[in-house]
């Protein structure tokens, strides 16, 4: 599986919001990342 096609700034923002290390964000499958982002939006 190839790394996500996201910018460094986006990866840093996601790691802060999700409370996950940067390396983990970069190796996370895209569908899981999208699912987590949707959960964040619901929580707002």
C-alpha atoms as a PDB file:
ATOM      1  CA  UNK A   1       0.000   0.000   0.000  1.00  0.00           C
ATOM      2  CA  UNK A   2       1.416   3.373  -1.006  1.00  0.00           C
ATOM      3  CA  UNK A   3       1.581   6.293   1.431  1.00  0.00           C
ATOM      4  CA  UNK A   4      -1.283   8.776   1.401  1.00  0.00           C
ATOM      5  CA  UNK A   5      -1.118  11.593  -1.135  1.00  0.00           C
ATOM      6  CA  UNK A   6      -1.449  14.417   1.386  1.00  0.00           C
ATOM      7  CA  UNK A   7       0.734  17.416   2.110  1.00  0.00           C
ATOM      8  CA  UNK A   8       2.965  17.635   5.162  1.00  0.00           C
ATOM      9  CA  UNK A   9       0.763  20.402   6.585  1.00  0.00           C
ATOM     10  CA  UNK A  10      -2.348  18.255   6.222  1.00  0.00           C
ATOM     11  CA  UNK A  11      -0.631  15.286   7.855  1.00  0.00           C
ATOM     12  CA  UNK A  12       0.478  17.463  10.795  1.00  0.00           C
ATOM     13  CA  UNK A  13      -3.032  18.868  11.246  1.00  0.00           C
ATOM     14  CA  UNK A  14      -4.541  15.372  11.178  1.00  0.00           C
ATOM     15  CA  UNK A  15      -2.041  14.015  13.677  1.00  0.00           C
ATOM     16  CA  UNK A  16      -2.912  16.880  16.063  1.00  0.00           C
ATOM     17  CA  UNK A  17      -6.684  16.523  15.619  1.00  0.00           C
ATOM     18  CA  UNK A  18      -6.696  12.731  15.854  1.00  0.00           C
ATOM     19  CA  UNK A  19      -3.998  12.527  18.513  1.00  0.00           C
ATOM     20  CA  UNK A  20      -2.028  10.067  16.398  1.00  0.00           C
ATOM     21  CA  UNK A  21       1.721  10.144  15.618  1.00  0.00           C
ATOM     22  CA  UNK A  22       2.617  11.585  12.204  1.00  0.00           C
ATOM     23  CA  UNK A  23       4.147   8.300  10.974  1.00  0.00           C
ATOM     24  CA  UNK A  24       0.920   6.480  11.774  1.00  0.00           C
ATOM     25  CA  UNK A  25      -1.112   9.010   9.765  1.00  0.00           C
ATOM     26  CA  UNK A  26       1.126   8.535   6.730  1.00  0.00           C
ATOM     27  CA  UNK A  27       0.732   4.738   6.804  1.00  0.00           C
ATOM     28  CA  UNK A  28      -2.958   4.646   7.652  1.00  0.00           C
ATOM     29  CA  UNK A  29      -5.209   3.229   4.924  1.00  0.00           C
ATOM     30  CA  UNK A  30      -7.149   6.048   3.289  1.00  0.00           C
ATOM     31  CA  UNK A  31     -10.607   4.652   4.092  1.00  0.00           C
ATOM     32  CA  UNK A  32      -9.754   4.492   7.811  1.00  0.00           C
ATOM     33  CA  UNK A  33      -8.465   8.055   7.748  1.00  0.00           C
ATOM     34  CA  UNK A  34     -11.649   9.266   6.037  1.00  0.00           C
ATOM     35  CA  UNK A  35     -13.748   7.379   8.597  1.00  0.00           C
ATOM     36  CA  UNK A  36     -11.869   9.081  11.461  1.00  0.00           C
ATOM     37  CA  UNK A  37     -12.311  12.502   9.853  1.00  0.00           C
ATOM     38  CA  UNK A  38     -16.049  11.893   9.527  1.00  0.00           C
ATOM     39  CA  UNK A  39     -16.208  10.966  13.223  1.00  0.00           C
ATOM     40  CA  UNK A  40     -14.416  14.232  14.069  1.00  0.00           C
ATOM     41  CA  UNK A  41     -16.926  16.221  12.032  1.00  0.00           C
ATOM     42  CA  UNK A  42     -19.844  14.481  13.791  1.00  0.00           C
ATOM     43  CA  UNK A  43     -18.374  15.329  17.196  1.00  0.00           C
ATOM     44  CA  UNK A  44     -18.308  19.076  16.442  1.00  0.00           C
END
